[in-house]
Amino acid sequence: YGMTIEKAKSMNDQVSAQAKTVGLDYHFDTMIPTNTFDAHRLL
């Protein structure tokens, strides 16, 4: 999105806060991005 890493982290922090309101605990700092096609095949 052509933004600073600080801005991106702030956005992810906001999503984490929203997740907490429904009982979810997100860890964007350690998430492992990947292709999800095989996970969908498994589904």
All heavy atoms as atom14 arrays in JSON, in Angstrom:
{
  "sequence": "YGMTIEKAKSMNDQVSAQAKTVGLDYHFDTMIPTNTFDAHRLL",
  "atom14_mask": [
    [1, 1, 1, 1, 1, 1, 1, 1, 1, 1, 1, 1, 0, 0],
    [1, 1, 1, 1, 0, 0, 0, 0, 0, 0, 0, 0, 0, 0],
    [1, 1, 1, 1, 1, 1, 1, 1, 0, 0, 0, 0, 0, 0],
    [1, 1, 1, 1, 1, 1, 1, 0, 0, 0, 0, 0, 0, 0],
    [1, 1, 1, 1, 1, 1, 1, 1, 0, 0, 0, 0, 0, 0],
    [1, 1, 1, 1, 1, 1, 1, 1, 1, 0, 0, 0, 0, 0],
    [1, 1, 1, 1, 1, 1, 1, 1, 1, 0, 0, 0, 0, 0],
    [1, 1, 1, 1, 1, 0, 0, 0, 0, 0, 0, 0, 0, 0],
    [1, 1, 1, 1, 1, 1, 1, 1, 1, 0, 0, 0, 0, 0],
    [1, 1, 1, 1, 1, 1, 0, 0, 0, 0, 0, 0, 0, 0],
    [1, 1, 1, 1, 1, 1, 1, 1, 0, 0, 0, 0, 0, 0],
    [1, 1, 1, 1, 1, 1, 1, 1, 0, 0, 0, 0, 0, 0],
    [1, 1, 1, 1, 1, 1, 1, 1, 0, 0, 0, 0, 0, 0],
    [1, 1, 1, 1, 1, 1, 1, 1, 1, 0, 0, 0, 0, 0],
    [1, 1, 1, 1, 1, 1, 1, 0, 0, 0, 0, 0, 0, 0],
    [1, 1, 1, 1, 1, 1, 0, 0, 0, 0, 0, 0, 0, 0],
    [1, 1, 1, 1, 1, 0, 0, 0, 0, 0, 0, 0, 0, 0],
    [1, 1, 1, 1, 1, 1, 1, 1, 1, 0, 0, 0, 0, 0],
    [1, 1, 1, 1, 1, 0, 0, 0, 0, 0, 0, 0, 0, 0],
    [1, 1, 1, 1, 1, 1, 1, 1, 1, 0, 0, 0, 0, 0],
    [1, 1, 1, 1, 1, 1, 1, 0, 0, 0, 0, 0, 0, 0],
    [1, 1, 1, 1, 1, 1, 1, 0, 0, 0, 0, 0, 0, 0],
    [1, 1, 1, 1, 0, 0, 0, 0, 0, 0, 0, 0, 0, 0],
    [1, 1, 1, 1, 1, 1, 1, 1, 0, 0, 0, 0, 0, 0],
    [1, 1, 1, 1, 1, 1, 1, 1, 0, 0, 0, 0, 0, 0],
    [1, 1, 1, 1, 1, 1, 1, 1, 1, 1, 1, 1, 0, 0],
    [1, 1, 1, 1, 1, 1, 1, 1, 1, 1, 0, 0, 0, 0],
    [1, 1, 1, 1, 1, 1, 1, 1, 1, 1, 1, 0, 0, 0],
    [1, 1, 1, 1, 1, 1, 1, 1, 0, 0, 0, 0, 0, 0],
    [1, 1, 1, 1, 1, 1, 1, 0, 0, 0, 0, 0, 0, 0],
    [1, 1, 1, 1, 1, 1, 1, 1, 0, 0, 0, 0, 0, 0],
    [1, 1, 1, 1, 1, 1, 1, 1, 0, 0, 0, 0, 0, 0],
    [1, 1, 1, 1, 1, 1, 1, 0, 0, 0, 0, 0, 0, 0],
    [1, 1, 1, 1, 1, 1, 1, 0, 0, 0, 0, 0, 0, 0],
    [1, 1, 1, 1, 1, 1, 1, 1, 0, 0, 0, 0, 0, 0],
    [1, 1, 1, 1, 1, 1, 1, 0, 0, 0, 0, 0, 0, 0],
    [1, 1, 1, 1, 1, 1, 1, 1, 1, 1, 1, 0, 0, 0],
    [1, 1, 1, 1, 1, 1, 1, 1, 0, 0, 0, 0, 0, 0],
    [1, 1, 1, 1, 1, 0, 0, 0, 0, 0, 0, 0, 0, 0],
    [1, 1, 1, 1, 1, 1, 1, 1, 1, 1, 0, 0, 0, 0],
    [1, 1, 1, 1, 1, 1, 1, 1, 1, 1, 1, 0, 0, 0],
    [1, 1, 1, 1, 1, 1, 1, 1, 0, 0, 0, 0, 0, 0],
    [1, 1, 1, 1, 1, 1, 1, 1, 0, 0, 0, 0, 0, 0]
  ],
  "atom14_positions": [
    [[0.8, -1.23, 0.0], [0.0, 0.0, 0.0], [0.84, 1.28, 0.0], [0.29, 2.38, 0.14], [-0.95, -0.01, 1.2], [-1.99, -1.11, 1.1], [-1.9, -2.25, 1.89], [-3.05, -1.01, 0.19], [-2.84, -3.27, 1.79], [-3.99, -2.02, 0.08], [-3.88, -3.15, 0.89], [-4.81, -4.15, 0.77], [0.0, 0.0, 0.0], [0.0, 0.0, 0.0]],
    [[2.14, 1.14, -0.15], [3.0, 2.31, -0.24], [2.99, 3.17, 1.01], [2.9, 4.4, 0.95], [0.0, 0.0, 0.0], [0.0, 0.0, 0.0], [0.0, 0.0, 0.0], [0.0, 0.0, 0.0], [0.0, 0.0, 0.0], [0.0, 0.0, 0.0], [0.0, 0.0, 0.0], [0.0, 0.0, 0.0], [0.0, 0.0, 0.0], [0.0, 0.0, 0.0]],
    [[3.09, 2.53, 2.16], [3.1, 3.26, 3.44], [4.35, 2.89, 4.23], [5.09, 1.98, 3.85], [1.84, 2.92, 4.24], [1.74, 1.45, 4.62], [0.27, 1.04, 5.63], [-1.04, 1.32, 4.44], [0.0, 0.0, 0.0], [0.0, 0.0, 0.0], [0.0, 0.0, 0.0], [0.0, 0.0, 0.0], [0.0, 0.0, 0.0], [0.0, 0.0, 0.0]],
    [[4.56, 3.58, 5.31], [5.7, 3.25, 6.16], [5.41, 1.97, 6.96], [4.24, 1.6, 7.17], [6.0, 4.38, 7.15], [4.89, 4.52, 8.06], [6.23, 5.7, 6.41], [0.0, 0.0, 0.0], [0.0, 0.0, 0.0], [0.0, 0.0, 0.0], [0.0, 0.0, 0.0], [0.0, 0.0, 0.0], [0.0, 0.0, 0.0], [0.0, 0.0, 0.0]],
    [[6.47, 1.34, 7.4], [6.3, 0.14, 8.22], [5.61, 0.5, 9.53], [4.79, -0.26, 10.06], [7.67, -0.53, 8.48], [8.23, -1.09, 7.16], [7.54, -1.64, 9.52], [9.6, -1.73, 7.29], [0.0, 0.0, 0.0], [0.0, 0.0, 0.0], [0.0, 0.0, 0.0], [0.0, 0.0, 0.0], [0.0, 0.0, 0.0], [0.0, 0.0, 0.0]],
    [[5.9, 1.69, 10.05], [5.27, 2.14, 11.3], [3.76, 2.25, 11.11], [2.98, 1.87, 12.0], [5.85, 3.49, 11.74], [7.28, 3.44, 12.24], [8.3, 3.21, 11.13], [7.95, 3.47, 9.96], [9.42, 2.77, 11.44], [0.0, 0.0, 0.0], [0.0, 0.0, 0.0], [0.0, 0.0, 0.0], [0.0, 0.0, 0.0], [0.0, 0.0, 0.0]],
    [[3.34, 2.79, 9.96], [1.91, 2.92, 9.67], [1.27, 1.54, 9.53], [0.16, 1.3, 10.04], [1.72, 3.73, 8.39], [0.27, 3.84, 7.92], [-0.61, 4.56, 8.92], [-2.01, 4.75, 8.36], [-2.92, 5.41, 9.34], [0.0, 0.0, 0.0], [0.0, 0.0, 0.0], [0.0, 0.0, 0.0], [0.0, 0.0, 0.0], [0.0, 0.0, 0.0]],
    [[1.97, 0.64, 8.86], [1.44, -0.71, 8.69], [1.29, -1.41, 10.04], [0.28, -2.08, 10.3], [2.38, -1.52, 7.79], [0.0, 0.0, 0.0], [0.0, 0.0, 0.0], [0.0, 0.0, 0.0], [0.0, 0.0, 0.0], [0.0, 0.0, 0.0], [0.0, 0.0, 0.0], [0.0, 0.0, 0.0], [0.0, 0.0, 0.0], [0.0, 0.0, 0.0]],
    [[2.28, -1.24, 10.9], [2.21, -1.85, 12.23], [1.04, -1.27, 13.03], [0.33, -2.0, 13.73], [3.52, -1.63, 12.99], [3.57, -2.33, 14.34], [4.89, -2.1, 15.05], [4.98, -2.92, 16.32], [3.81, -2.71, 17.23], [0.0, 0.0, 0.0], [0.0, 0.0, 0.0], [0.0, 0.0, 0.0], [0.0, 0.0, 0.0], [0.0, 0.0, 0.0]],
    [[0.83, 0.05, 12.89], [-0.28, 0.69, 13.58], [-1.62, 0.13, 13.12], [-2.52, -0.12, 13.94], [-0.23, 2.21, 13.35], [-1.36, 2.85, 13.92], [0.0, 0.0, 0.0], [0.0, 0.0, 0.0], [0.0, 0.0, 0.0], [0.0, 0.0, 0.0], [0.0, 0.0, 0.0], [0.0, 0.0, 0.0], [0.0, 0.0, 0.0], [0.0, 0.0, 0.0]],
    [[-1.74, -0.09, 11.81], [-2.97, -0.66, 11.27], [-3.2, -2.07, 11.81], [-4.32, -2.43, 12.19], [-2.92, -0.67, 9.74], [-2.99, 0.71, 9.12], [-2.82, 0.67, 7.31], [-4.25, -0.32, 6.86], [0.0, 0.0, 0.0], [0.0, 0.0, 0.0], [0.0, 0.0, 0.0], [0.0, 0.0, 0.0], [0.0, 0.0, 0.0], [0.0, 0.0, 0.0]],
    [[-2.15, -2.87, 11.85], [-2.27, -4.23, 12.36], [-2.59, -4.24, 13.85], [-3.32, -5.11, 14.33], [-1.0, -5.02, 12.07], [-0.89, -5.44, 10.62], [-1.91, -5.63, 9.95], [0.33, -5.6, 10.12], [0.0, 0.0, 0.0], [0.0, 0.0, 0.0], [0.0, 0.0, 0.0], [0.0, 0.0, 0.0], [0.0, 0.0, 0.0], [0.0, 0.0, 0.0]],
    [[-2.04, -3.28, 14.57], [-2.36, -3.16, 16.0], [-3.85, -2.86, 16.19], [-4.48, -3.38, 17.14], [-1.52, -2.05, 16.64], [-0.07, -2.45, 16.82], [0.24, -3.65, 16.74], [0.77, -1.54, 17.04], [0.0, 0.0, 0.0], [0.0, 0.0, 0.0], [0.0, 0.0, 0.0], [0.0, 0.0, 0.0], [0.0, 0.0, 0.0], [0.0, 0.0, 0.0]],
    [[-4.41, -2.05, 15.32], [-5.84, -1.73, 15.4], [-6.68, -2.98, 15.14], [-7.71, -3.21, 15.79], [-6.18, -0.63, 14.4], [-5.6, 0.73, 14.74], [-5.88, 1.76, 13.66], [-6.85, 1.66, 12.92], [-5.01, 2.76, 13.55], [0.0, 0.0, 0.0], [0.0, 0.0, 0.0], [0.0, 0.0, 0.0], [0.0, 0.0, 0.0], [0.0, 0.0, 0.0]],
    [[-6.25, -3.8, 14.17], [-6.98, -5.04, 13.88], [-6.88, -5.99, 15.06], [-7.86, -6.65, 15.44], [-6.43, -5.71, 12.6], [-7.11, -7.05, 12.37], [-6.63, -4.8, 11.39], [0.0, 0.0, 0.0], [0.0, 0.0, 0.0], [0.0, 0.0, 0.0], [0.0, 0.0, 0.0], [0.0, 0.0, 0.0], [0.0, 0.0, 0.0], [0.0, 0.0, 0.0]],
    [[-5.7, -6.06, 15.67], [-5.52, -6.91, 16.86], [-6.45, -6.5, 17.98], [-7.03, -7.34, 18.68], [-4.06, -6.85, 17.34], [-3.19, -7.46, 16.43], [0.0, 0.0, 0.0], [0.0, 0.0, 0.0], [0.0, 0.0, 0.0], [0.0, 0.0, 0.0], [0.0, 0.0, 0.0], [0.0, 0.0, 0.0], [0.0, 0.0, 0.0], [0.0, 0.0, 0.0]],
    [[-6.6, -5.18, 18.15], [-7.49, -4.67, 19.2], [-8.93, -5.05, 18.9], [-9.7, -5.41, 19.81], [-7.35, -3.15, 19.3], [0.0, 0.0, 0.0], [0.0, 0.0, 0.0], [0.0, 0.0, 0.0], [0.0, 0.0, 0.0], [0.0, 0.0, 0.0], [0.0, 0.0, 0.0], [0.0, 0.0, 0.0], [0.0, 0.0, 0.0], [0.0, 0.0, 0.0]],
    [[-9.31, -4.97, 17.62], [-10.67, -5.37, 17.24], [-10.88, -6.86, 17.48], [-11.94, -7.29, 17.94], [-10.92, -5.04, 15.77], [-12.36, -5.3, 15.33], [-12.63, -4.83, 13.91], [-11.88, -4.03, 13.34], [-13.7, -5.33, 13.32], [0.0, 0.0, 0.0], [0.0, 0.0, 0.0], [0.0, 0.0, 0.0], [0.0, 0.0, 0.0], [0.0, 0.0, 0.0]],
    [[-9.85, -7.66, 17.19], [-9.95, -9.11, 17.4], [-10.16, -9.43, 18.88], [-10.91, -10.35, 19.23], [-8.7, -9.8, 16.87], [0.0, 0.0, 0.0], [0.0, 0.0, 0.0], [0.0, 0.0, 0.0], [0.0, 0.0, 0.0], [0.0, 0.0, 0.0], [0.0, 0.0, 0.0], [0.0, 0.0, 0.0], [0.0, 0.0, 0.0], [0.0, 0.0, 0.0]],
    [[-9.5, -8.68, 19.75], [-9.63, -8.93, 21.19], [-11.06, -8.73, 21.67], [-11.49, -9.38, 22.63], [-8.69, -8.01, 21.97], [-7.23, -8.43, 21.92], [-6.37, -7.57, 22.84], [-4.9, -7.99, 22.77], [-4.71, -9.39, 23.2], [0.0, 0.0, 0.0], [0.0, 0.0, 0.0], [0.0, 0.0, 0.0], [0.0, 0.0, 0.0], [0.0, 0.0, 0.0]],
    [[-11.82, -7.86, 21.0], [-13.2, -7.61, 21.43], [-14.09, -8.84, 21.24], [-15.16, -8.92, 21.84], [-13.81, -6.42, 20.68], [-13.95, -6.75, 19.29], [-12.97, -5.17, 20.85], [0.0, 0.0, 0.0], [0.0, 0.0, 0.0], [0.0, 0.0, 0.0], [0.0, 0.0, 0.0], [0.0, 0.0, 0.0], [0.0, 0.0, 0.0], [0.0, 0.0, 0.0]],
    [[-13.65, -9.78, 20.4], [-14.43, -11.01, 20.2], [-13.66, -12.23, 20.72], [-13.94, -13.36, 20.34], [-14.82, -11.2, 18.72], [-15.8, -10.13, 18.28], [-13.6, -11.21, 17.81], [0.0, 0.0, 0.0], [0.0, 0.0, 0.0], [0.0, 0.0, 0.0], [0.0, 0.0, 0.0], [0.0, 0.0, 0.0], [0.0, 0.0, 0.0], [0.0, 0.0, 0.0]],
    [[-12.66, -11.97, 21.57], [-11.96, -13.06, 22.24], [-10.83, -13.69, 21.46], [-10.39, -14.8, 21.8], [0.0, 0.0, 0.0], [0.0, 0.0, 0.0], [0.0, 0.0, 0.0], [0.0, 0.0, 0.0], [0.0, 0.0, 0.0], [0.0, 0.0, 0.0], [0.0, 0.0, 0.0], [0.0, 0.0, 0.0], [0.0, 0.0, 0.0], [0.0, 0.0, 0.0]],
    [[-10.33, -13.0, 20.44], [-9.25, -13.56, 19.63], [-7.93, -12.86, 19.95], [-7.91, -11.66, 20.22], [-9.56, -13.41, 18.14], [-10.84, -14.1, 17.65], [-11.08, -13.81, 16.18], [-10.75, -15.61, 17.88], [0.0, 0.0, 0.0], [0.0, 0.0, 0.0], [0.0, 0.0, 0.0], [0.0, 0.0, 0.0], [0.0, 0.0, 0.0], [0.0, 0.0, 0.0]],
    [[-6.85, -13.61, 19.88], [-5.53, -13.08, 20.23], [-4.62, -13.17, 19.0], [-4.11, -14.24, 18.67], [-4.94, -13.9, 21.38], [-3.65, -13.3, 21.93], [-3.38, -12.12, 21.65], [-2.91, -14.03, 22.62], [0.0, 0.0, 0.0], [0.0, 0.0, 0.0], [0.0, 0.0, 0.0], [0.0, 0.0, 0.0], [0.0, 0.0, 0.0], [0.0, 0.0, 0.0]],
    [[-4.42, -12.05, 18.33], [-3.6, -12.0, 17.11], [-2.16, -11.64, 17.46], [-1.92, -10.81, 18.34], [-4.14, -10.96, 16.13], [-5.39, -11.37, 15.39], [-6.08, -12.55, 15.65], [-5.91, -10.53, 14.39], [-7.22, -12.89, 14.95], [-7.05, -10.87, 13.68], [-7.71, -12.05, 13.96], [-8.85, -12.39, 13.27], [0.0, 0.0, 0.0], [0.0, 0.0, 0.0]],
    [[-1.23, -12.22, 16.7], [0.2, -11.91, 16.87], [0.81, -11.6, 15.51], [1.49, -12.43, 14.91], [0.93, -13.08, 17.53], [0.46, -13.38, 18.92], [0.84, -12.64, 20.01], [-0.38, -14.33, 19.38], [0.27, -13.12, 21.1], [-0.49, -14.13, 20.75], [0.0, 0.0, 0.0], [0.0, 0.0, 0.0], [0.0, 0.0, 0.0], [0.0, 0.0, 0.0]],
    [[0.58, -10.39, 15.03], [1.09, -10.0, 13.72], [2.62, -10.0, 13.68], [3.21, -10.19, 12.61], [0.56, -8.62, 13.34], [-0.85, -8.62, 12.82], [-1.9, -8.23, 13.64], [-1.14, -9.02, 11.52], [-3.21, -8.23, 13.17], [-2.43, -9.02, 11.05], [-3.48, -8.63, 11.87], [0.0, 0.0, 0.0], [0.0, 0.0, 0.0], [0.0, 0.0, 0.0]],
    [[3.23, -9.76, 14.82], [4.7, -9.67, 14.84], [5.38, -10.99, 14.54], [6.54, -11.02, 14.08], [5.18, -9.12, 16.19], [4.69, -9.94, 17.36], [3.61, -10.56, 17.26], [5.39, -9.96, 18.4], [0.0, 0.0, 0.0], [0.0, 0.0, 0.0], [0.0, 0.0, 0.0], [0.0, 0.0, 0.0], [0.0, 0.0, 0.0], [0.0, 0.0, 0.0]],
    [[4.69, -12.11, 14.78], [5.3, -13.42, 14.53], [4.56, -14.26, 13.49], [4.93, -15.41, 13.24], [5.39, -14.24, 15.84], [4.08, -14.34, 16.43], [6.34, -13.57, 16.82], [0.0, 0.0, 0.0], [0.0, 0.0, 0.0], [0.0, 0.0, 0.0], [0.0, 0.0, 0.0], [0.0, 0.0, 0.0], [0.0, 0.0, 0.0], [0.0, 0.0, 0.0]],
    [[3.51, -13.71, 12.88], [2.77, -14.44, 11.85], [3.67, -14.78, 10.68], [4.58, -14.03, 10.34], [1.59, -13.59, 11.34], [0.36, -13.65, 12.21], [-0.96, -12.65, 11.5], [-1.91, -12.3, 12.98], [0.0, 0.0, 0.0], [0.0, 0.0, 0.0], [0.0, 0.0, 0.0], [0.0, 0.0, 0.0], [0.0, 0.0, 0.0], [0.0, 0.0, 0.0]],
    [[3.39, -15.93, 10.07], [4.19, -16.39, 8.93], [3.35, -16.29, 7.66], [2.51, -17.16, 7.38], [4.67, -17.83, 9.14], [5.47, -17.94, 10.44], [5.51, -18.3, 7.95], [5.87, -19.36, 10.81], [0.0, 0.0, 0.0], [0.0, 0.0, 0.0], [0.0, 0.0, 0.0], [0.0, 0.0, 0.0], [0.0, 0.0, 0.0], [0.0, 0.0, 0.0]],
    [[3.54, -15.24, 6.87], [2.77, -15.1, 5.64], [3.11, -16.21, 4.66], [4.26, -16.66, 4.58], [3.2, -13.73, 5.11], [4.56, -13.5, 5.69], [4.53, -14.15, 7.04], [0.0, 0.0, 0.0], [0.0, 0.0, 0.0], [0.0, 0.0, 0.0], [0.0, 0.0, 0.0], [0.0, 0.0, 0.0], [0.0, 0.0, 0.0], [0.0, 0.0, 0.0]],
    [[2.13, -16.66, 3.89], [2.36, -17.76, 2.96], [1.23, -17.84, 1.95], [0.24, -17.1, 2.05], [2.47, -19.1, 3.72], [2.86, -20.15, 2.81], [1.14, -19.49, 4.36], [0.0, 0.0, 0.0], [0.0, 0.0, 0.0], [0.0, 0.0, 0.0], [0.0, 0.0, 0.0], [0.0, 0.0, 0.0], [0.0, 0.0, 0.0], [0.0, 0.0, 0.0]],
    [[1.36, -18.72, 0.99], [0.29, -19.02, 0.06], [-0.68, -19.99, 0.74], [-0.25, -20.97, 1.35], [0.89, -19.65, -1.2], [-0.14, -19.87, -2.29], [-1.05, -20.69, -2.15], [-0.01, -19.15, -3.39], [0.0, 0.0, 0.0], [0.0, 0.0, 0.0], [0.0, 0.0, 0.0], [0.0, 0.0, 0.0], [0.0, 0.0, 0.0], [0.0, 0.0, 0.0]],
    [[-1.98, -19.73, 0.63], [-2.96, -20.54, 1.37], [-3.66, -21.59, 0.51], [-4.61, -22.24, 0.97], [-4.03, -19.62, 2.0], [-4.7, -18.88, 0.97], [-3.41, -18.68, 3.02], [0.0, 0.0, 0.0], [0.0, 0.0, 0.0], [0.0, 0.0, 0.0], [0.0, 0.0, 0.0], [0.0, 0.0, 0.0], [0.0, 0.0, 0.0], [0.0, 0.0, 0.0]],
    [[-3.21, -21.79, -0.72], [-3.9, -22.72, -1.62], [-3.97, -24.13, -1.05], [-5.03, -24.77, -1.05], [-3.23, -22.74, -2.99], [-3.94, -23.61, -4.0], [-5.16, -23.21, -4.54], [-3.4, -24.82, -4.4], [-5.83, -24.01, -5.46], [-4.06, -25.62, -5.32], [-5.28, -25.22, -5.86], [0.0, 0.0, 0.0], [0.0, 0.0, 0.0], [0.0, 0.0, 0.0]],
    [[-2.87, -24.65, -0.53], [-2.88, -26.01, 0.01], [-3.73, -26.11, 1.28], [-4.34, -27.16, 1.54], [-1.45, -26.48, 0.3], [-0.7, -26.85, -0.97], [-1.37, -27.11, -2.0], [0.55, -26.89, -0.95], [0.0, 0.0, 0.0], [0.0, 0.0, 0.0], [0.0, 0.0, 0.0], [0.0, 0.0, 0.0], [0.0, 0.0, 0.0], [0.0, 0.0, 0.0]],
    [[-3.78, -25.04, 2.05], [-4.67, -25.03, 3.22], [-6.12, -25.14, 2.76], [-6.95, -25.81, 3.41], [-4.45, -23.77, 4.04], [0.0, 0.0, 0.0], [0.0, 0.0, 0.0], [0.0, 0.0, 0.0], [0.0, 0.0, 0.0], [0.0, 0.0, 0.0], [0.0, 0.0, 0.0], [0.0, 0.0, 0.0], [0.0, 0.0, 0.0], [0.0, 0.0, 0.0]],
    [[-6.44, -24.5, 1.65], [-7.8, -24.59, 1.11], [-8.07, -25.99, 0.56], [-9.19, -26.5, 0.67], [-8.01, -23.54, 0.03], [-8.27, -22.17, 0.57], [-9.43, -21.85, 1.26], [-7.51, -21.04, 0.56], [-9.38, -20.58, 1.62], [-8.23, -20.07, 1.22], [0.0, 0.0, 0.0], [0.0, 0.0, 0.0], [0.0, 0.0, 0.0], [0.0, 0.0, 0.0]],
    [[-7.07, -26.61, -0.04], [-7.25, -27.99, -0.49], [-7.53, -28.9, 0.7], [-8.37, -29.81, 0.63], [-6.0, -28.48, -1.24], [-5.83, -27.88, -2.62], [-4.96, -28.76, -3.5], [-3.61, -28.89, -3.0], [-3.0, -30.06, -2.78], [-3.64, -31.2, -3.02], [-1.76, -30.09, -2.33], [0.0, 0.0, 0.0], [0.0, 0.0, 0.0], [0.0, 0.0, 0.0]],
    [[-6.83, -28.64, 1.79], [-7.05, -29.43, 3.01], [-8.46, -29.21, 3.54], [-9.11, -30.15, 4.01], [-6.02, -29.04, 4.07], [-6.1, -29.79, 5.41], [-6.01, -31.29, 5.2], [-4.99, -29.32, 6.34], [0.0, 0.0, 0.0], [0.0, 0.0, 0.0], [0.0, 0.0, 0.0], [0.0, 0.0, 0.0], [0.0, 0.0, 0.0], [0.0, 0.0, 0.0]],
    [[-8.97, -27.99, 3.44], [-10.34, -27.72, 3.86], [-11.32, -28.52, 3.01], [-12.29, -29.1, 3.55], [-10.64, -26.22, 3.73], [-12.08, -25.8, 4.04], [-12.4, -26.01, 5.52], [-12.31, -24.34, 3.65], [0.0, 0.0, 0.0], [0.0, 0.0, 0.0], [0.0, 0.0, 0.0], [0.0, 0.0, 0.0], [0.0, 0.0, 0.0], [0.0, 0.0, 0.0]]
  ]
}
